[in-house]
C-alpha cells in the first residue's frame, strides 16, 4: 500500500481569523501582535501586510515603519484556539491518524483512504472546501510519501495551495529548492554551509557524509544528508510530545528580574 501524508497549514492563521470575524478587514494589511509604540513583535500578519515586507517575529516598530497604514491588533489566543480546535475536528473526519503539530498546522496520515476520498488531489480539494465552508478560512496542503517532504511542500504554493510530490520524486523536488527551504536547518547551519561554498540544496546533495560530519557532527550530518535528498529524517515520526500552547510577553524595558521573567 502506497503511503501518503498531508501536511495542513492554516494560511496566516491569526490574521485570517481576524479578517473572517470582521469582514471589513478583508483586503487590508492586518498585523497581529504588539501595539505600535510598545516593545514586541509581529505574531502573524496577513498576506496584504506581507506585500510590505512584514513577517512573523519582526519588531513591531519596524512593522509600523514599513506599513503605518496597517491595522494593528492584539493577540486573541482564546479565539484562535477555539477556531483551531474546530479545524482539527474537521481534519479528524478524514483520517483517524492525525498529529497536531501546533495551533495552525497538523500532519495527516492519509494512507488507505483512497476508497473514501479518492486520489490525493481529490481528498485535498474536499478537505479544503470543508474547512472553507465551515470556517471561512483557507488552508494549504503538501502531500508526499513522507512527512518531511509534505511539510515543505505545503509552503510552496501558499496561500490556499496544494502540492503533491510524487513518490520517488522527493530528491528531484528538493533539488529544485533554495537552501532556505531546507526545513530544520537554521540560520547558523545555513551560514556554515554557505561559507563552505554550499549555497543550494542541489549542491548539498553532492556533499559526502564524511565532510558533513566534520562540520556538524554525526547527528547533524545525518539529518542534512537525508533531508536534502527528501528522505524523512524522522522529525515528525511518532506522537507529538506536547499539545500545549505558549504565550509571549515582551517587557517595556529590559529586565534581569528572574521572578518577573
Protein backbone atom coordinates (compact mmCIF):
# COMPACT_ATOMS: atom_id res chain seq x y z
CA UNK A 1 0.00 0.00 0.00
CA UNK A 2 1.38 3.39 -1.01
CA UNK A 3 1.97 5.79 1.85
CA UNK A 4 0.58 9.30 1.61
CA UNK A 5 0.82 12.11 4.15
CA UNK A 6 -0.83 15.52 4.16
CA UNK A 7 0.73 18.45 5.94
CA UNK A 8 -2.02 21.01 6.55
CA UNK A 9 -1.01 24.60 7.24
CA UNK A 10 -3.56 27.30 8.10
CA UNK A 11 -2.79 30.36 5.99
CA UNK A 12 -1.73 33.45 8.02
CA UNK A 13 -3.89 31.97 10.75
CA UNK A 14 -4.27 34.68 13.41
CA UNK A 15 -4.69 37.45 10.83
CA UNK A 16 -7.09 35.35 8.77
CA UNK A 17 -9.28 34.72 11.81
CA UNK A 18 -9.42 38.48 12.41
CA UNK A 19 -10.40 39.13 8.80
CA UNK A 20 -13.07 36.42 8.93
CA UNK A 21 -14.52 37.67 12.21
CA UNK A 22 -14.52 41.23 10.88
CA UNK A 23 -15.10 41.23 7.09
CA UNK A 24 -14.29 44.95 6.97
CA UNK A 25 -10.64 43.94 7.42
CA UNK A 26 -10.52 41.81 4.27
CA UNK A 27 -8.10 43.16 1.72
CA UNK A 28 -6.35 45.28 4.34
CA UNK A 29 -2.87 44.77 5.84
CA UNK A 30 -3.61 43.20 9.23
CA UNK A 31 -0.84 42.81 11.79
CA UNK A 32 -1.46 40.74 14.91
CA UNK A 33 0.97 41.29 17.77
CA UNK A 34 2.20 44.13 19.94
CA UNK A 35 0.77 47.62 19.63
CA UNK A 36 2.82 50.30 17.81
CA UNK A 37 4.76 52.39 20.27
CA UNK A 38 5.33 49.39 22.55
CA UNK A 39 8.02 46.77 22.61
CA UNK A 40 7.11 43.50 20.99
CA UNK A 41 6.94 41.66 17.70
CA UNK A 42 4.58 40.63 14.93
CA UNK A 43 2.89 37.31 15.74
CA UNK A 44 1.23 36.93 12.35
CA UNK A 45 0.35 39.25 9.51
CA UNK A 46 -1.98 38.97 6.55
CA UNK A 47 -0.73 38.50 3.02
CA UNK A 48 -1.64 42.11 2.30
CA UNK A 49 0.82 43.12 5.04
CA UNK A 50 3.48 40.76 3.73
CA UNK A 51 3.47 42.74 0.50
CA UNK A 52 5.17 45.49 2.54
CA UNK A 53 7.91 43.11 3.69
CA UNK A 54 6.36 42.30 7.07
CA UNK A 55 6.78 38.86 8.61
CA UNK A 56 6.39 36.99 11.88
CA UNK A 57 8.86 37.92 14.66
CA UNK A 58 9.61 41.32 13.08
CA UNK A 59 9.89 44.08 15.72
CA UNK A 60 6.59 45.93 15.81
CA UNK A 61 8.42 49.26 15.42
CA UNK A 62 9.84 48.10 12.08
CA UNK A 63 6.44 46.77 11.01
CA UNK A 64 4.86 50.16 11.73
CA UNK A 65 7.66 51.98 9.90
CA UNK A 66 7.08 49.85 6.79
CA UNK A 67 3.29 49.81 6.96
CA UNK A 68 1.89 52.67 9.06
CA UNK A 69 -1.49 52.28 7.37
CA UNK A 70 -1.78 48.70 8.63
CA UNK A 71 -4.43 47.53 11.09
CA UNK A 72 -2.58 46.53 14.26
CA UNK A 73 -4.49 44.13 16.51
CA UNK A 74 -3.72 42.36 19.79
CA UNK A 75 -3.39 38.58 20.03
CA UNK A 76 -6.67 36.85 20.92
CA UNK A 77 -5.32 33.41 21.77
CA UNK A 78 -8.57 32.05 23.20
CA UNK A 79 -10.36 32.81 19.92
CA UNK A 80 -7.58 31.31 17.79
CA UNK A 81 -7.60 28.20 19.98
CA UNK A 82 -11.35 27.86 19.52
CA UNK A 83 -11.06 28.05 15.73
CA UNK A 84 -8.05 25.71 15.71
CA UNK A 85 -9.96 23.05 17.64
CA UNK A 86 -12.81 23.26 15.15
CA UNK A 87 -10.44 22.81 12.22
CA UNK A 88 -8.68 19.89 13.89
CA UNK A 89 -12.12 18.30 14.33
CA UNK A 90 -12.73 18.69 10.60
CA UNK A 91 -9.35 17.15 9.77
CA UNK A 92 -10.06 14.21 12.08
CA UNK A 93 -13.08 13.40 9.94
CA UNK A 94 -10.78 12.50 7.05
CA UNK A 95 -8.40 10.18 8.92
CA UNK A 96 -8.06 8.95 12.50
CA UNK A 97 -4.27 9.26 12.24
CA UNK A 98 -3.72 12.96 12.84
CA UNK A 99 -0.89 14.68 14.70
CA UNK A 100 -1.41 18.31 15.64
CA UNK A 101 1.97 19.99 15.39
CA UNK A 102 0.94 23.47 16.52
CA UNK A 103 -2.11 25.68 16.76
CA UNK A 104 -2.06 26.20 12.98
CA UNK A 105 -0.69 23.01 11.45
CA UNK A 106 -1.23 19.27 11.50
CA UNK A 107 0.10 16.11 9.88
CA UNK A 108 -2.42 13.62 8.48
CA UNK A 109 -1.63 10.04 7.50
CA UNK A 110 -3.98 9.54 4.55
CA UNK A 111 -2.68 6.08 3.69
CA UNK A 112 -5.53 3.73 2.88
CA UNK A 113 -8.19 6.43 2.48
CA UNK A 114 -8.42 6.40 -1.33
CA UNK A 115 -11.64 4.35 -1.29
CA UNK A 116 -13.21 7.04 0.89
CA UNK A 117 -11.87 10.27 -0.58
CA UNK A 118 -10.29 9.36 -3.91
CA UNK A 119 -6.83 10.30 -5.08
CA UNK A 120 -4.75 12.78 -3.03
CA UNK A 121 -5.81 15.68 -5.28
CA UNK A 122 -9.48 14.83 -4.72
CA UNK A 123 -9.08 14.37 -0.97
CA UNK A 124 -7.22 17.66 -0.66
CA UNK A 125 -9.92 19.51 -2.61
CA UNK A 126 -12.65 18.05 -0.38
CA UNK A 127 -10.72 18.91 2.77
CA UNK A 128 -10.00 22.46 1.67
CA UNK A 129 -13.66 23.01 0.72
CA UNK A 130 -14.97 21.69 4.04
CA UNK A 131 -12.62 23.92 6.05
CA UNK A 132 -13.55 26.94 3.93
CA UNK A 133 -17.29 26.22 4.12
CA UNK A 134 -17.32 25.73 7.89
CA UNK A 135 -14.80 28.37 8.99
CA UNK A 136 -14.29 30.80 6.11
CA UNK A 137 -10.55 30.09 6.25
CA UNK A 138 -8.16 28.72 3.65
CA UNK A 139 -5.53 26.07 4.20
CA UNK A 140 -2.51 24.94 2.22
CA UNK A 141 -1.71 21.26 1.86
CA UNK A 142 1.51 19.49 0.99
CA UNK A 143 1.29 15.81 0.08
CA UNK A 144 4.07 13.25 -0.12
CA UNK A 145 5.02 9.69 0.70
CA UNK A 146 6.87 11.01 3.74
CA UNK A 147 6.07 13.60 6.37
CA UNK A 148 9.15 15.76 5.93
CA UNK A 149 8.61 16.46 2.25
CA UNK A 150 4.88 17.01 2.86
CA UNK A 151 5.79 19.71 5.40
CA UNK A 152 7.98 21.55 2.91
CA UNK A 153 5.52 21.12 0.04
CA UNK A 154 2.71 22.81 1.97
CA UNK A 155 4.64 26.08 1.97
CA UNK A 156 5.39 26.26 -1.73
CA UNK A 157 2.03 27.40 -3.10
CA UNK A 158 0.58 29.40 -0.20
CA UNK A 159 -1.99 30.69 0.30
CA UNK A 160 -4.81 28.23 -0.45
CA UNK A 161 -2.38 25.93 -2.23
CA UNK A 162 -1.88 22.23 -2.85
CA UNK A 163 1.27 20.47 -3.98
CA UNK A 164 1.74 16.73 -4.40
CA UNK A 165 5.30 15.44 -4.60
CA UNK A 166 5.07 12.06 -6.35
CA UNK A 167 6.62 9.04 -4.68
CA UNK A 168 10.15 8.63 -5.99
CA UNK A 169 10.39 12.30 -6.92
CA UNK A 170 11.39 13.59 -3.49
CA UNK A 171 15.05 14.06 -4.32
CA UNK A 172 14.31 15.95 -7.52
CA UNK A 173 11.79 18.13 -5.69
CA UNK A 174 14.32 19.05 -3.01
CA UNK A 175 16.96 19.73 -5.64
CA UNK A 176 14.76 22.43 -7.12
CA UNK A 177 14.52 24.42 -3.88
CA UNK A 178 16.77 27.13 -2.40
CA UNK A 179 18.71 26.33 0.75
CA UNK A 180 16.29 28.44 2.83
CA UNK A 181 13.58 25.83 2.19
CA UNK A 182 15.54 23.08 3.98
CA UNK A 183 13.24 22.90 6.98
CA UNK A 184 15.08 22.21 10.23
CA UNK A 185 18.34 23.80 9.10
CA UNK A 186 18.63 27.07 11.00
CA UNK A 187 20.37 30.28 10.10
CA UNK A 188 23.67 29.24 11.71
CA UNK A 189 23.69 25.93 9.86
CA UNK A 190 22.95 27.62 6.56
CA UNK A 191 25.73 30.16 7.16
CA UNK A 192 28.26 27.36 7.72
CA UNK A 193 27.10 25.72 4.52
CA UNK A 194 27.27 28.99 2.58
CA UNK A 195 30.73 29.76 3.95
CA UNK A 196 31.77 26.30 2.72
CA UNK A 197 30.57 27.05 -0.80
CA UNK A 198 27.33 25.07 -0.44
CA UNK A 199 24.63 27.51 -1.45
CA UNK A 200 21.85 25.28 -2.75
CA UNK A 201 20.14 22.05 -1.78
CA UNK A 202 21.32 20.61 -5.10
CA UNK A 203 24.92 21.26 -4.04
CA UNK A 204 24.26 19.84 -0.57
CA UNK A 205 23.09 16.58 -2.12
CA UNK A 206 26.56 16.06 -3.60
CA UNK A 207 28.48 16.51 -0.33
CA UNK A 208 29.73 13.34 1.31
CA UNK A 209 28.56 12.31 4.76
CA UNK A 210 32.16 12.39 5.99
CA UNK A 211 32.57 16.06 5.06
CA UNK A 212 29.27 16.97 6.71
CA UNK A 213 30.25 15.07 9.86
CA UNK A 214 33.39 17.15 10.10
CA UNK A 215 31.28 20.31 10.18
CA UNK A 216 28.11 19.26 12.03
CA UNK A 217 28.83 16.00 13.84
CA UNK A 218 27.18 12.66 13.12
CA UNK A 219 23.62 13.60 14.03
CA UNK A 220 23.68 16.92 12.17
CA UNK A 221 25.31 15.35 9.14
CA UNK A 222 22.78 12.50 9.04
CA UNK A 223 19.92 15.00 9.16
CA UNK A 224 21.31 17.25 6.41
CA UNK A 225 22.14 14.33 4.15
CA UNK A 226 18.71 12.73 4.49
CA UNK A 227 16.71 15.97 4.38
CA UNK A 228 18.47 17.30 1.29
CA UNK A 229 17.55 14.11 -0.57
CA UNK A 230 13.93 14.23 0.50
CA UNK A 231 14.31 11.29 2.86
CA UNK A 232 12.35 11.54 6.11
CA UNK A 233 14.83 12.36 8.90
CA UNK A 234 12.20 11.35 11.47
CA UNK A 235 11.26 14.78 12.80
CA UNK A 236 7.54 14.03 12.70
CA UNK A 237 7.62 10.32 13.48
CA UNK A 238 5.61 9.09 16.46
CA UNK A 239 3.24 11.13 18.55
CA UNK A 240 3.56 14.83 19.24
CA UNK A 241 5.41 15.29 22.51
CA UNK A 242 3.29 18.24 23.56
CA UNK A 243 -0.12 19.59 22.74
CA UNK A 244 0.39 22.68 24.87
CA UNK A 245 0.41 26.25 23.66
CA UNK A 246 2.68 29.03 24.77
CA UNK A 247 2.34 32.76 25.08
CA UNK A 248 4.92 35.51 24.70
CA UNK A 249 5.30 38.77 26.51
CA UNK A 250 7.80 41.46 25.65
CA UNK A 251 8.57 43.79 28.54
CA UNK A 252 8.51 47.53 28.02
CA UNK A 253 12.03 47.77 29.44
CA UNK A 254 14.94 45.34 29.70
CA UNK A 255 14.83 43.39 32.95
CA UNK A 256 17.02 40.96 34.82
CA UNK A 257 14.35 40.23 37.42
CA UNK A 258 14.12 36.42 37.40
CA UNK A 259 10.72 36.44 39.13
CA UNK A 260 9.27 38.76 36.51
CA UNK A 261 10.63 36.57 33.71
